[in-house]
Amino acid sequence: MKMLHNKKTGFTLVEIMIVVLIIGILLAVAIPSFVQARESSRAKACIANLKQIDSAKQQWAMDTKAAATATPTSANLAPTYIKTYPTCPESGTYTLGDVSTSPTCSIGSNTTNTNWSHVLP
């Protein structure tokens, strides 16, 4: 005589809860790292833009024989000395200043994490 076994297949509630817990732990570790990497890359892109602007300012000053106190405009620099005038990835605004000073970003320095500063070193 054969005995019939009624087997139910599937996941138990405990197993599903463990999987959800593991996914939650992975997200808790991954999201802060992602945010930090994004902020750091935006700050580095801003600094690269500031370096391009500064280089274009210096080239403009040499070509026009401008004094150290002369202040170029973005129209003076683009498209002759810089292909297009860059924009800050964090929506900051760039201030050119005179030839003897470095350009600045309105976001400025980050006091909590200097890797996220929008200031030329």
PDB file of N, CA and C in Angstrom:
ATOM      1  N   MET A   1       0.819  -1.147   0.000  1.00  0.00           N
ATOM      2  CA  MET A   1       0.000   0.000   0.000  1.00  0.00           C
ATOM      3  C   MET A   1       0.892   1.249   0.000  1.00  0.00           C
ATOM      4  N   LYS A   2       0.499   2.196  -0.863  1.00  0.00           N
ATOM      5  CA  LYS A   2       1.268   3.440  -0.982  1.00  0.00           C
ATOM      6  C   LYS A   2       0.701   4.494  -0.050  1.00  0.00           C
ATOM      7  N   MET A   3       1.643   5.186   0.604  1.00  0.00           N
ATOM      8  CA  MET A   3       1.216   6.308   1.448  1.00  0.00           C
ATOM      9  C   MET A   3       1.394   7.602   0.664  1.00  0.00           C
ATOM     10  N   LEU A   4       0.408   8.400   0.703  1.00  0.00           N
ATOM     11  CA  LEU A   4       0.473   9.677  -0.001  1.00  0.00           C
ATOM     12  C   LEU A   4       1.021  10.744   0.939  1.00  0.00           C
ATOM     13  N   HIS A   5       1.997  11.449   0.420  1.00  0.00           N
ATOM     14  CA  HIS A   5       2.565  12.553   1.198  1.00  0.00           C
ATOM     15  C   HIS A   5       2.148  13.857   0.528  1.00  0.00           C
ATOM     16  N   ASN A   6       1.639  14.722   1.287  1.00  0.00           N
ATOM     17  CA  ASN A   6       1.199  16.015   0.765  1.00  0.00           C
ATOM     18  C   ASN A   6       2.313  17.032   1.025  1.00  0.00           C
ATOM     19  N   LYS A   7       3.233  17.191   0.036  1.00  0.00           N
ATOM     20  CA  LYS A   7       4.358  18.118   0.205  1.00  0.00           C
ATOM     21  C   LYS A   7       4.011  19.446  -0.437  1.00  0.00           C
ATOM     22  N   LYS A   8       4.173  20.481   0.319  1.00  0.00           N
ATOM     23  CA  LYS A   8       3.980  21.823  -0.218  1.00  0.00           C
ATOM     24  C   LYS A   8       5.356  22.440  -0.420  1.00  0.00           C
ATOM     25  N   THR A   9       5.578  22.973  -1.620  1.00  0.00           N
ATOM     26  CA  THR A   9       6.860  23.596  -1.898  1.00  0.00           C
ATOM     27  C   THR A   9       6.693  25.104  -1.865  1.00  0.00           C
ATOM     28  N   GLY A  10       7.774  25.802  -1.596  1.00  0.00           N
ATOM     29  CA  GLY A  10       7.759  27.265  -1.536  1.00  0.00           C
ATOM     30  C   GLY A  10       8.620  27.735  -0.389  1.00  0.00           C
ATOM     31  N   PHE A  11       8.652  29.045  -0.237  1.00  0.00           N
ATOM     32  CA  PHE A  11       9.464  29.647   0.815  1.00  0.00           C
ATOM     33  C   PHE A  11       8.607  29.920   2.035  1.00  0.00           C
ATOM     34  N   THR A  12       9.211  29.760   3.179  1.00  0.00           N
ATOM     35  CA  THR A  12       8.500  30.085   4.414  1.00  0.00           C
ATOM     36  C   THR A  12       8.664  31.579   4.681  1.00  0.00           C
ATOM     37  N   LEU A  13       7.848  32.086   5.554  1.00  0.00           N
ATOM     38  CA  LEU A  13       7.899  33.495   5.913  1.00  0.00           C
ATOM     39  C   LEU A  13       9.262  33.865   6.497  1.00  0.00           C
ATOM     40  N   VAL A  14       9.849  33.007   7.284  1.00  0.00           N
ATOM     41  CA  VAL A  14      11.160  33.256   7.884  1.00  0.00           C
ATOM     42  C   VAL A  14      12.238  33.371   6.810  1.00  0.00           C
ATOM     43  N   GLU A  15      12.197  32.495   5.824  1.00  0.00           N
ATOM     44  CA  GLU A  15      13.179  32.547   4.742  1.00  0.00           C
ATOM     45  C   GLU A  15      13.064  33.852   3.951  1.00  0.00           C
ATOM     46  N   ILE A  16      11.857  34.258   3.662  1.00  0.00           N
ATOM     47  CA  ILE A  16      11.653  35.520   2.928  1.00  0.00           C
ATOM     48  C   ILE A  16      12.134  36.702   3.760  1.00  0.00           C
ATOM     49  N   MET A  17      11.869  36.693   5.056  1.00  0.00           N
ATOM     50  CA  MET A  17      12.314  37.783   5.926  1.00  0.00           C
ATOM     51  C   MET A  17      13.841  37.848   5.985  1.00  0.00           C
ATOM     52  N   ILE A  18      14.511  36.718   5.984  1.00  0.00           N
ATOM     53  CA  ILE A  18      15.981  36.689   6.001  1.00  0.00           C
ATOM     54  C   ILE A  18      16.528  37.287   4.709  1.00  0.00           C
ATOM     55  N   VAL A  19      15.924  36.952   3.583  1.00  0.00           N
ATOM     56  CA  VAL A  19      16.369  37.512   2.298  1.00  0.00           C
ATOM     57  C   VAL A  19      16.177  39.031   2.282  1.00  0.00           C
ATOM     58  N   VAL A  20      15.037  39.504   2.764  1.00  0.00           N
ATOM     59  CA  VAL A  20      14.780  40.945   2.824  1.00  0.00           C
ATOM     60  C   VAL A  20      15.782  41.626   3.751  1.00  0.00           C
ATOM     61  N   LEU A  21      16.112  41.006   4.855  1.00  0.00           N
ATOM     62  CA  LEU A  21      17.097  41.558   5.787  1.00  0.00           C
ATOM     63  C   LEU A  21      18.473  41.672   5.133  1.00  0.00           C
ATOM     64  N   ILE A  22      18.876  40.648   4.407  1.00  0.00           N
ATOM     65  CA  ILE A  22      20.185  40.670   3.729  1.00  0.00           C
ATOM     66  C   ILE A  22      20.218  41.766   2.670  1.00  0.00           C
ATOM     67  N   ILE A  23      19.149  41.904   1.904  1.00  0.00           N
ATOM     68  CA  ILE A  23      19.087  42.965   0.888  1.00  0.00           C
ATOM     69  C   ILE A  23      19.137  44.340   1.563  1.00  0.00           C
ATOM     70  N   GLY A  24      18.457  44.492   2.678  1.00  0.00           N
ATOM     71  CA  GLY A  24      18.489  45.757   3.418  1.00  0.00           C
ATOM     72  C   GLY A  24      19.884  46.105   3.905  1.00  0.00           C
ATOM     73  N   ILE A  25      20.605  45.130   4.395  1.00  0.00           N
ATOM     74  CA  ILE A  25      21.984  45.352   4.865  1.00  0.00           C
ATOM     75  C   ILE A  25      22.876  45.765   3.695  1.00  0.00           C
ATOM     76  N   LEU A  26      22.734  45.082   2.564  1.00  0.00           N
ATOM     77  CA  LEU A  26      23.528  45.435   1.378  1.00  0.00           C
ATOM     78  C   LEU A  26      23.235  46.864   0.917  1.00  0.00           C
ATOM     79  N   LEU A  27      21.970  47.253   0.920  1.00  0.00           N
ATOM     80  CA  LEU A  27      21.614  48.626   0.530  1.00  0.00           C
ATOM     81  C   LEU A  27      22.154  49.650   1.528  1.00  0.00           C
ATOM     82  N   ALA A  28      22.115  49.314   2.800  1.00  0.00           N
ATOM     83  CA  ALA A  28      22.620  50.237   3.823  1.00  0.00           C
ATOM     84  C   ALA A  28      24.114  50.491   3.658  1.00  0.00           C
ATOM     85  N   VAL A  29      24.830  49.533   3.127  1.00  0.00           N
ATOM     86  CA  VAL A  29      26.267  49.690   2.895  1.00  0.00           C
ATOM     87  C   VAL A  29      26.522  50.384   1.553  1.00  0.00           C
ATOM     88  N   ALA A  30      25.747  50.051   0.537  1.00  0.00           N
ATOM     89  CA  ALA A  30      26.015  50.538  -0.819  1.00  0.00           C
ATOM     90  C   ALA A  30      25.582  51.984  -1.048  1.00  0.00           C
ATOM     91  N   ILE A  31      24.460  52.405  -0.516  1.00  0.00           N
ATOM     92  CA  ILE A  31      23.936  53.741  -0.814  1.00  0.00           C
ATOM     93  C   ILE A  31      24.863  54.852  -0.315  1.00  0.00           C
ATOM     94  N   PRO A  32      25.366  54.832   0.913  1.00  0.00           N
ATOM     95  CA  PRO A  32      26.286  55.900   1.320  1.00  0.00           C
ATOM     96  C   PRO A  32      27.558  55.961   0.470  1.00  0.00           C
ATOM     97  N   SER A  33      28.054  54.820   0.060  1.00  0.00           N
ATOM     98  CA  SER A  33      29.243  54.799  -0.798  1.00  0.00           C
ATOM     99  C   SER A  33      28.942  55.426  -2.146  1.00  0.00           C
ATOM    100  N   PHE A  34      27.772  55.150  -2.685  1.00  0.00           N
ATOM    101  CA  PHE A  34      27.362  55.722  -3.960  1.00  0.00           C
ATOM    102  C   PHE A  34      27.226  57.238  -3.859  1.00  0.00           C
ATOM    103  N   VAL A  35      26.604  57.719  -2.806  1.00  0.00           N
ATOM    104  CA  VAL A  35      26.421  59.160  -2.619  1.00  0.00           C
ATOM    105  C   VAL A  35      27.776  59.850  -2.470  1.00  0.00           C
ATOM    106  N   GLN A  36      28.674  59.262  -1.719  1.00  0.00           N
ATOM    107  CA  GLN A  36      29.994  59.845  -1.522  1.00  0.00           C
ATOM    108  C   GLN A  36      30.763  59.890  -2.834  1.00  0.00           C
ATOM    109  N   ALA A  37      30.695  58.838  -3.616  1.00  0.00           N
ATOM    110  CA  ALA A  37      31.398  58.808  -4.901  1.00  0.00           C
ATOM    111  C   ALA A  37      30.828  59.855  -5.853  1.00  0.00           C
ATOM    112  N   ARG A  38      29.518  60.033  -5.851  1.00  0.00           N
ATOM    113  CA  ARG A  38      28.888  61.020  -6.721  1.00  0.00           C
ATOM    114  C   ARG A  38      29.301  62.442  -6.335  1.00  0.00           C
ATOM    115  N   GLU A  39      29.273  62.754  -5.061  1.00  0.00           N
ATOM    116  CA  GLU A  39      29.654  64.090  -4.595  1.00  0.00           C
ATOM    117  C   GLU A  39      31.123  64.377  -4.883  1.00  0.00           C
ATOM    118  N   SER A  40      31.962  63.385  -4.653  1.00  0.00           N
ATOM    119  CA  SER A  40      33.391  63.551  -4.905  1.00  0.00           C
ATOM    120  C   SER A  40      33.661  63.784  -6.391  1.00  0.00           C
ATOM    121  N   SER A  41      32.984  63.054  -7.251  1.00  0.00           N
ATOM    122  CA  SER A  41      33.221  63.228  -8.695  1.00  0.00           C
ATOM    123  C   SER A  41      32.715  64.578  -9.171  1.00  0.00           C
ATOM    124  N   ARG A  42      31.618  65.070  -8.618  1.00  0.00           N
ATOM    125  CA  ARG A  42      31.122  66.400  -8.992  1.00  0.00           C
ATOM    126  C   ARG A  42      32.097  67.493  -8.558  1.00  0.00           C
ATOM    127  N   ALA A  43      32.659  67.355  -7.364  1.00  0.00           N
ATOM    128  CA  ALA A  43      33.624  68.341  -6.892  1.00  0.00           C
ATOM    129  C   ALA A  43      34.884  68.320  -7.756  1.00  0.00           C
ATOM    130  N   LYS A  44      35.343  67.135  -8.133  1.00  0.00           N
ATOM    131  CA  LYS A  44      36.531  67.036  -8.990  1.00  0.00           C
ATOM    132  C   LYS A  44      36.268  67.618 -10.368  1.00  0.00           C
ATOM    133  N   ALA A  45      35.052  67.429 -10.890  1.00  0.00           N
ATOM    134  CA  ALA A  45      34.696  68.015 -12.185  1.00  0.00           C
ATOM    135  C   ALA A  45      34.667  69.540 -12.087  1.00  0.00           C
ATOM    136  N   CYS A  46      34.185  70.052 -10.984  1.00  0.00           N
ATOM    137  CA  CYS A  46      34.160  71.501 -10.777  1.00  0.00           C
ATOM    138  C   CYS A  46      35.580  72.061 -10.714  1.00  0.00           C
ATOM    139  N   ILE A  47      36.463  71.386 -10.014  1.00  0.00           N
ATOM    140  CA  ILE A  47      37.853  71.834  -9.915  1.00  0.00           C
ATOM    141  C   ILE A  47      38.519  71.787 -11.289  1.00  0.00           C
ATOM    142  N   ALA A  48      38.223  70.751 -12.071  1.00  0.00           N
ATOM    143  CA  ALA A  48      38.773  70.669 -13.432  1.00  0.00           C
ATOM    144  C   ALA A  48      38.274  71.840 -14.279  1.00  0.00           C
ATOM    145  N   ASN A  49      37.000  72.202 -14.114  1.00  0.00           N
ATOM    146  CA  ASN A  49      36.459  73.360 -14.831  1.00  0.00           C
ATOM    147  C   ASN A  49      37.165  74.644 -14.412  1.00  0.00           C
ATOM    148  N   LEU A  50      37.412  74.790 -13.104  1.00  0.00           N
ATOM    149  CA  LEU A  50      38.103  75.987 -12.611  1.00  0.00           C
ATOM    150  C   LEU A  50      39.521  76.068 -13.184  1.00  0.00           C
ATOM    151  N   LYS A  51      40.188  74.932 -13.309  1.00  0.00           N
ATOM    152  CA  LYS A  51      41.533  74.921 -13.891  1.00  0.00           C
ATOM    153  C   LYS A  51      41.492  75.332 -15.365  1.00  0.00           C
ATOM    154  N   GLN A  52      40.464  74.868 -16.088  1.00  0.00           N
ATOM    155  CA  GLN A  52      40.321  75.258 -17.495  1.00  0.00           C
ATOM    156  C   GLN A  52      40.079  76.760 -17.621  1.00  0.00           C
ATOM    157  N   ILE A  53      39.230  77.284 -16.768  1.00  0.00           N
ATOM    158  CA  ILE A  53      38.941  78.719 -16.798  1.00  0.00           C
ATOM    159  C   ILE A  53      40.196  79.515 -16.476  1.00  0.00           C
ATOM    160  N   ASP A  54      40.951  79.077 -15.469  1.00  0.00           N
ATOM    161  CA  ASP A  54      42.171  79.779 -15.091  1.00  0.00           C
ATOM    162  C   ASP A  54      43.192  79.759 -16.232  1.00  0.00           C
ATOM    163  N   SER A  55      43.335  78.621 -16.878  1.00  0.00           N
ATOM    164  CA  SER A  55      44.257  78.526 -18.010  1.00  0.00           C
ATOM    165  C   SER A  55      43.819  79.445 -19.148  1.00  0.00           C
ATOM    166  N   ALA A  56      42.526  79.475 -19.431  1.00  0.00           N
ATOM    167  CA  ALA A  56      42.011  80.359 -20.485  1.00  0.00           C
ATOM    168  C   ALA A  56      42.236  81.826 -20.128  1.00  0.00           C
ATOM    169  N   LYS A  57      42.064  82.158 -18.843  1.00  0.00           N
ATOM    170  CA  LYS A  57      42.321  83.538 -18.396  1.00  0.00           C
ATOM    171  C   LYS A  57      43.776  83.928 -18.629  1.00  0.00           C
ATOM    172  N   GLN A  58      44.681  83.032 -18.295  1.00  0.00           N
ATOM    173  CA  GLN A  58      46.106  83.331 -18.456  1.00  0.00           C
ATOM    174  C   GLN A  58      46.468  83.485 -19.935  1.00  0.00           C
ATOM    175  N   GLN A  59      45.911  82.634 -20.782  1.00  0.00           N
ATOM    176  CA  GLN A  59      46.163  82.746 -22.225  1.00  0.00           C
ATOM    177  C   GLN A  59      45.597  84.051 -22.771  1.00  0.00           C
ATOM    178  N   TRP A  60      44.405  84.420 -22.330  1.00  0.00           N
ATOM    179  CA  TRP A  60      43.784  85.677 -22.751  1.00  0.00           C
ATOM    180  C   TRP A  60      44.663  86.862 -22.345  1.00  0.00           C
ATOM    181  N   ALA A  61      45.169  86.826 -21.110  1.00  0.00           N
ATOM    182  CA  ALA A  61      45.995  87.919 -20.605  1.00  0.00           C
ATOM    183  C   ALA A  61      47.293  88.045 -21.407  1.00  0.00           C
ATOM    184  N   MET A  62      47.899  86.914 -21.771  1.00  0.00           N
ATOM    185  CA  MET A  62      49.142  86.972 -22.550  1.00  0.00           C
ATOM    186  C   MET A  62      48.870  87.488 -23.966  1.00  0.00           C
ATOM    187  N   ASP A  63      47.794  87.019 -24.588  1.00  0.00           N
ATOM    188  CA  ASP A  63      47.489  87.435 -25.952  1.00  0.00           C
ATOM    189  C   ASP A  63      47.093  88.905 -26.053  1.00  0.00           C
ATOM    190  N   THR A  64      46.379  89.382 -25.057  1.00  0.00           N
ATOM    191  CA  THR A  64      45.916  90.780 -25.101  1.00  0.00           C
ATOM    192  C   THR A  64      46.846  91.727 -24.352  1.00  0.00           C
ATOM    193  N   LYS A  65      47.909  91.179 -23.769  1.00  0.00           N
ATOM    194  CA  LYS A  65      48.850  91.964 -22.958  1.00  0.00           C
ATOM    195  C   LYS A  65      48.112  92.753 -21.866  1.00  0.00           C
ATOM    196  N   ALA A  66      47.169  92.078 -21.242  1.00  0.00           N
ATOM    197  CA  ALA A  66      46.353  92.693 -20.199  1.00  0.00           C
ATOM    198  C   ALA A  66      47.141  92.785 -18.892  1.00  0.00           C
ATOM    199  N   ALA A  67      46.796  93.779 -18.118  1.00  0.00           N
ATOM    200  CA  ALA A  67      47.423  93.963 -16.802  1.00  0.00           C
ATOM    201  C   ALA A  67      46.911  92.889 -15.845  1.00  0.00           C
ATOM    202  N   ALA A  68      47.622  92.697 -14.750  1.00  0.00           N
ATOM    203  CA  ALA A  68      47.242  91.685 -13.764  1.00  0.00           C
ATOM    204  C   ALA A  68      45.900  92.009 -13.116  1.00  0.00           C
ATOM    205  N   THR A  69      45.494  93.269 -13.168  1.00  0.00           N
ATOM    206  CA  THR A  69      44.223  93.670 -12.559  1.00  0.00           C
ATOM    207  C   THR A  69      43.057  93.597 -13.541  1.00  0.00           C
ATOM    208  N   ALA A  70      43.336  93.246 -14.805  1.00  0.00           N
ATOM    209  CA  ALA A  70      42.266  93.156 -15.807  1.00  0.00           C
ATOM    210  C   ALA A  70      41.401  91.929 -15.535  1.00  0.00           C
ATOM    211  N   THR A  71      40.110  92.095 -15.772  1.00  0.00           N
ATOM    212  CA  THR A  71      39.168  91.002 -15.549  1.00  0.00           C
ATOM    213  C   THR A  71      38.497  90.631 -16.869  1.00  0.00           C
ATOM    214  N   PRO A  72      38.746  89.424 -17.368  1.00  0.00           N
ATOM    215  CA  PRO A  72      38.077  89.008 -18.604  1.00  0.00           C
ATOM    216  C   PRO A  72      36.627  88.610 -18.338  1.00  0.00           C
ATOM    217  N   THR A  73      35.819  88.599 -19.367  1.00  0.00           N
ATOM    218  CA  THR A  73      34.454  88.092 -19.266  1.00  0.00           C
ATOM    219  C   THR A  73      34.417  86.707 -19.890  1.00  0.00           C
ATOM    220  N   SER A  74      33.324  86.010 -19.675  1.00  0.00           N
ATOM    221  CA  SER A  74      33.204  84.679 -20.281  1.00  0.00           C
ATOM    222  C   SER A  74      33.186  84.782 -21.801  1.00  0.00           C
ATOM    223  N   ALA A  75      32.691  85.897 -22.339  1.00  0.00           N
ATOM    224  CA  ALA A  75      32.691  86.107 -23.791  1.00  0.00           C
ATOM    225  C   ALA A  75      34.115  86.305 -24.313  1.00  0.00           C
ATOM    226  N   ASN A  76      35.012  86.861 -23.488  1.00  0.00           N
ATOM    227  CA  ASN A  76      36.413  87.001 -23.887  1.00  0.00           C
ATOM    228  C   ASN A  76      37.103  85.638 -24.003  1.00  0.00           C
ATOM    229  N   LEU A  77      36.669  84.689 -23.204  1.00  0.00           N
ATOM    230  CA  LEU A  77      37.339  83.387 -23.143  1.00  0.00           C
ATOM    231  C   LEU A  77      36.765  82.361 -24.121  1.00  0.00           C
ATOM    232  N   ALA A  78      35.449  82.325 -24.255  1.00  0.00           N
ATOM    233  CA  ALA A  78      34.819  81.317 -25.130  1.00  0.00           C
ATOM    234  C   ALA A  78      34.439  81.970 -26.450  1.00  0.00           C
ATOM    235  N   PRO A  79      34.651  81.404 -27.557  1.00  0.00           N
ATOM    236  CA  PRO A  79      35.225  80.102 -27.866  1.00  0.00           C
ATOM    237  C   PRO A  79      36.706  80.157 -28.213  1.00  0.00           C
ATOM    238  N   THR A  80      37.355  81.324 -28.054  1.00  0.00           N
ATOM    239  CA  THR A  80      38.756  81.448 -28.474  1.00  0.00           C
ATOM    240  C   THR A  80      39.701  80.656 -27.574  1.00  0.00           C
ATOM    241  N   TYR A  81      39.590  80.801 -26.285  1.00  0.00           N
ATOM    242  CA  TYR A  81      40.541  80.186 -25.352  1.00  0.00           C
ATOM    243  C   TYR A  81      39.994  78.945 -24.653  1.00  0.00           C
ATOM    244  N   ILE A  82      38.704  78.783 -24.685  1.00  0.00           N
ATOM    245  CA  ILE A  82      38.048  77.617 -24.100  1.00  0.00           C
ATOM    246  C   ILE A  82      36.851  77.317 -25.010  1.00  0.00           C
ATOM    247  N   LYS A  83      36.670  76.058 -25.357  1.00  0.00           N
ATOM    248  CA  LYS A  83      35.665  75.701 -26.372  1.00  0.00           C
ATOM    249  C   LYS A  83      34.271  76.199 -25.990  1.00  0.00           C
ATOM    250  N   THR A  84      33.805  75.823 -24.830  1.00  0.00           N
ATOM    251  CA  THR A  84      32.538  76.329 -24.300  1.00  0.00           C
ATOM    252  C   THR A  84      32.771  76.685 -22.839  1.00  0.00           C
ATOM    253  N   TYR A  85      32.061  77.689 -22.376  1.00  0.00           N
ATOM    254  CA  TYR A  85      32.222  78.092 -20.990  1.00  0.00           C
ATOM    255  C   TYR A  85      31.586  77.022 -20.099  1.00  0.00           C
ATOM    256  N   PRO A  86      32.353  76.435 -19.178  1.00  0.00           N
ATOM    257  CA  PRO A  86      31.850  75.312 -18.371  1.00  0.00           C
ATOM    258  C   PRO A  86      30.827  75.746 -17.328  1.00  0.00           C
ATOM    259  N   THR A  87      30.043  74.786 -16.883  1.00  0.00           N
ATOM    260  CA  THR A  87      29.099  75.010 -15.794  1.00  0.00           C
ATOM    261  C   THR A  87      29.407  74.039 -14.667  1.00  0.00           C
ATOM    262  N   CYS A  88      29.159  74.475 -13.474  1.00  0.00           N
ATOM    263  CA  CYS A  88      29.418  73.636 -12.300  1.00  0.00           C
ATOM    264  C   CYS A  88      28.409  72.484 -12.260  1.00  0.00           C
ATOM    265  N   PRO A  89      28.865  71.253 -12.023  1.00  0.00           N
ATOM    266  CA  PRO A  89      27.945  70.121 -11.946  1.00  0.00           C
ATOM    267  C   PRO A  89      26.982  70.187 -10.768  1.00  0.00           C
ATOM    268  N   GLU A  90      27.277  71.015  -9.791  1.00  0.00           N
ATOM    269  CA  GLU A  90      26.404  71.177  -8.628  1.00  0.00           C
ATOM    270  C   GLU A  90      25.550  72.436  -8.744  1.00  0.00           C
ATOM    271  N   SER A  91      25.480  73.021  -9.926  1.00  0.00           N
ATOM    272  CA  SER A  91      24.688  74.221 -10.202  1.00  0.00           C
ATOM    273  C   SER A  91      25.238  75.470  -9.516  1.00  0.00           C
ATOM    274  N   GLY A  92      26.510  75.471  -9.218  1.00  0.00           N
ATOM    275  CA  GLY A  92      27.148  76.673  -8.702  1.00  0.00           C
ATOM    276  C   GLY A  92      27.470  77.612  -9.860  1.00  0.00           C
ATOM    277  N   THR A  93      27.882  78.824  -9.527  1.00  0.00           N
ATOM    278  CA  THR A  93      28.273  79.779 -10.565  1.00  0.00           C
ATOM    279  C   THR A  93      29.745  80.115 -10.402  1.00  0.00           C
ATOM    280  N   TYR A  94      30.407  80.319 -11.537  1.00  0.00           N
ATOM    281  CA  TYR A  94      31.825  80.631 -11.517  1.00  0.00           C
ATOM    282  C   TYR A  94      32.025  82.137 -11.580  1.00  0.00           C
ATOM    283  N   THR A  95      32.971  82.619 -10.782  1.00  0.00           N
ATOM    284  CA  THR A  95      33.379  84.015 -10.805  1.00  0.00           C
ATOM    285  C   THR A  95      34.804  84.053 -11.320  1.00  0.00           C
ATOM    286  N   LEU A  96      35.015  84.815 -12.396  1.00  0.00           N
ATOM    287  CA  LEU A  96      36.338  84.831 -13.017  1.00  0.00           C
ATOM    288  C   LEU A  96      37.361  85.578 -12.172  1.00  0.00           C
ATOM    289  N   GLY A  97      37.048  86.767 -11.735  1.00  0.00           N
ATOM    290  CA  GLY A  97      38.016  87.584 -11.014  1.00  0.00           C
ATOM    291  C   GLY A  97      39.070  88.117 -11.958  1.00  0.00           C
ATOM    292  N   ASP A  98      40.000  88.882 -11.421  1.00  0.00           N
ATOM    293  CA  ASP A  98      41.049  89.430 -12.288  1.00  0.00           C
ATOM    294  C   ASP A  98      42.090  88.361 -12.614  1.00  0.00           C
ATOM    295  N   VAL A  99      43.012  88.716 -13.478  1.00  0.00           N
ATOM    296  CA  VAL A  99      43.993  87.757 -13.984  1.00  0.00           C
ATOM    297  C   VAL A  99      44.887  87.209 -12.872  1.00  0.00           C
ATOM    298  N   SER A 100      45.151  88.021 -11.865  1.00  0.00           N
ATOM    299  CA  SER A 100      46.079  87.592 -10.808  1.00  0.00           C
ATOM    300  C   SER A 100      45.444  86.672  -9.771  1.00  0.00           C
ATOM    301  N   THR A 101      44.120  86.500  -9.807  1.00  0.00           N
ATOM    302  CA  THR A 101      43.455  85.627  -8.838  1.00  0.00           C
ATOM    303  C   THR A 101      42.845  84.417  -9.543  1.00  0.00           C
ATOM    304  N   SER A 102      42.680  83.364  -8.803  1.00  0.00           N
ATOM    305  CA  SER A 102      42.077  82.148  -9.357  1.00  0.00           C
ATOM    306  C   SER A 102      40.564  82.309  -9.440  1.00  0.00           C
ATOM    307  N   PRO A 103      39.936  81.678 -10.426  1.00  0.00           N
ATOM    308  CA  PRO A 103      38.471  81.718 -10.473  1.00  0.00           C
ATOM    309  C   PRO A 103      37.890  80.939  -9.299  1.00  0.00           C
ATOM    310  N   THR A 104      36.666  81.268  -8.934  1.00  0.00           N
ATOM    311  CA  THR A 104      36.024  80.613  -7.795  1.00  0.00           C
ATOM    312  C   THR A 104      34.648  80.095  -8.186  1.00  0.00           C
ATOM    313  N   CYS A 105      34.163  79.166  -7.393  1.00  0.00           N
ATOM    314  CA  CYS A 105      32.818  78.611  -7.557  1.00  0.00           C
ATOM    315  C   CYS A 105      31.982  79.086  -6.379  1.00  0.00           C
ATOM    316  N   SER A 106      30.705  79.389  -6.636  1.00  0.00           N
ATOM    317  CA  SER A 106      29.840  79.890  -5.562  1.00  0.00           C
ATOM    318  C   SER A 106      29.616  78.852  -4.461  1.00  0.00           C
ATOM    319  N   ILE A 107      29.825  77.584  -4.755  1.00  0.00           N
ATOM    320  CA  ILE A 107      29.648  76.550  -3.726  1.00  0.00           C
ATOM    321  C   ILE A 107      30.793  76.622  -2.721  1.00  0.00           C
ATOM    322  N   GLY A 108      31.989  76.908  -3.185  1.00  0.00           N
ATOM    323  CA  GLY A 108      33.126  77.101  -2.289  1.00  0.00           C
ATOM    324  C   GLY A 108      33.599  75.831  -1.628  1.00  0.00           C
ATOM    325  N   SER A 109      34.084  75.976  -0.399  1.00  0.00           N
ATOM    326  CA  SER A 109      34.680  74.822   0.276  1.00  0.00           C
ATOM    327  C   SER A 109      33.643  74.101   1.109  1.00  0.00           C
ATOM    328  N   ASN A 110      33.854  72.810   1.252  1.00  0.00           N
ATOM    329  CA  ASN A 110      33.006  71.968   2.079  1.00  0.00           C
ATOM    330  C   ASN A 110      33.754  71.747   3.380  1.00  0.00           C
ATOM    331  N   THR A 111      33.191  72.225   4.462  1.00  0.00           N
ATOM    332  CA  THR A 111      33.900  72.143   5.741  1.00  0.00           C
ATOM    333  C   THR A 111      33.857  70.747   6.345  1.00  0.00           C
ATOM    334  N   THR A 112      32.880  69.931   5.952  1.00  0.00           N
ATOM    335  CA  THR A 112      32.789  68.595   6.542  1.00  0.00           C
ATOM    336  C   THR A 112      33.661  67.587   5.800  1.00  0.00           C
ATOM    337  N   ASN A 113      33.849  67.780   4.491  1.00  0.00           N
ATOM    338  CA  ASN A 113      34.668  66.849   3.715  1.00  0.00           C
ATOM    339  C   ASN A 113      35.409  67.643   2.648  1.00  0.00           C
ATOM    340  N   THR A 114      36.704  67.831   2.838  1.00  0.00           N
ATOM    341  CA  THR A 114      37.480  68.655   1.909  1.00  0.00           C
ATOM    342  C   THR A 114      37.604  68.023   0.530  1.00  0.00           C
ATOM    343  N   ASN A 115      37.311  66.724   0.393  1.00  0.00           N
ATOM    344  CA  ASN A 115      37.326  66.091  -0.937  1.00  0.00           C
ATOM    345  C   ASN A 115      36.178  66.583  -1.801  1.00  0.00           C
ATOM    346  N   TRP A 116      35.178  67.220  -1.188  1.00  0.00           N
ATOM    347  CA  TRP A 116      34.025  67.706  -1.926  1.00  0.00           C
ATOM    348  C   TRP A 116      34.093  69.211  -2.134  1.00  0.00           C
ATOM    349  N   SER A 117      35.218  69.852  -1.869  1.00  0.00           N
ATOM    350  CA  SER A 117      35.340  71.295  -2.004  1.00  0.00           C
ATOM    351  C   SER A 117      35.414  71.693  -3.471  1.00  0.00           C
ATOM    352  N   HIS A 118      34.815  72.829  -3.775  1.00  0.00           N
ATOM    353  CA  HIS A 118      34.824  73.366  -5.127  1.00  0.00           C
ATOM    354  C   HIS A 118      35.778  74.565  -5.162  1.00  0.00           C
ATOM    355  N   VAL A 119      37.010  74.345  -4.726  1.00  0.00           N
ATOM    356  CA  VAL A 119      38.020  75.391  -4.641  1.00  0.00           C
ATOM    357  C   VAL A 119      39.310  74.861  -5.257  1.00  0.00           C
ATOM    358  N   LEU A 120      39.967  75.718  -6.049  1.00  0.00           N
ATOM    359  CA  LEU A 120      41.255  75.309  -6.609  1.00  0.00           C
ATOM    360  C   LEU A 120      42.267  75.110  -5.492  1.00  0.00           C
ATOM    361  N   PRO A 121      43.069  74.060  -5.591  1.00  0.00           N
ATOM    362  CA  PRO A 121      44.069  73.822  -4.534  1.00  0.00           C
ATOM    363  C   PRO A 121      45.187  74.841  -4.585  1.00  0.00           C
TER     364      PRO A 121
END
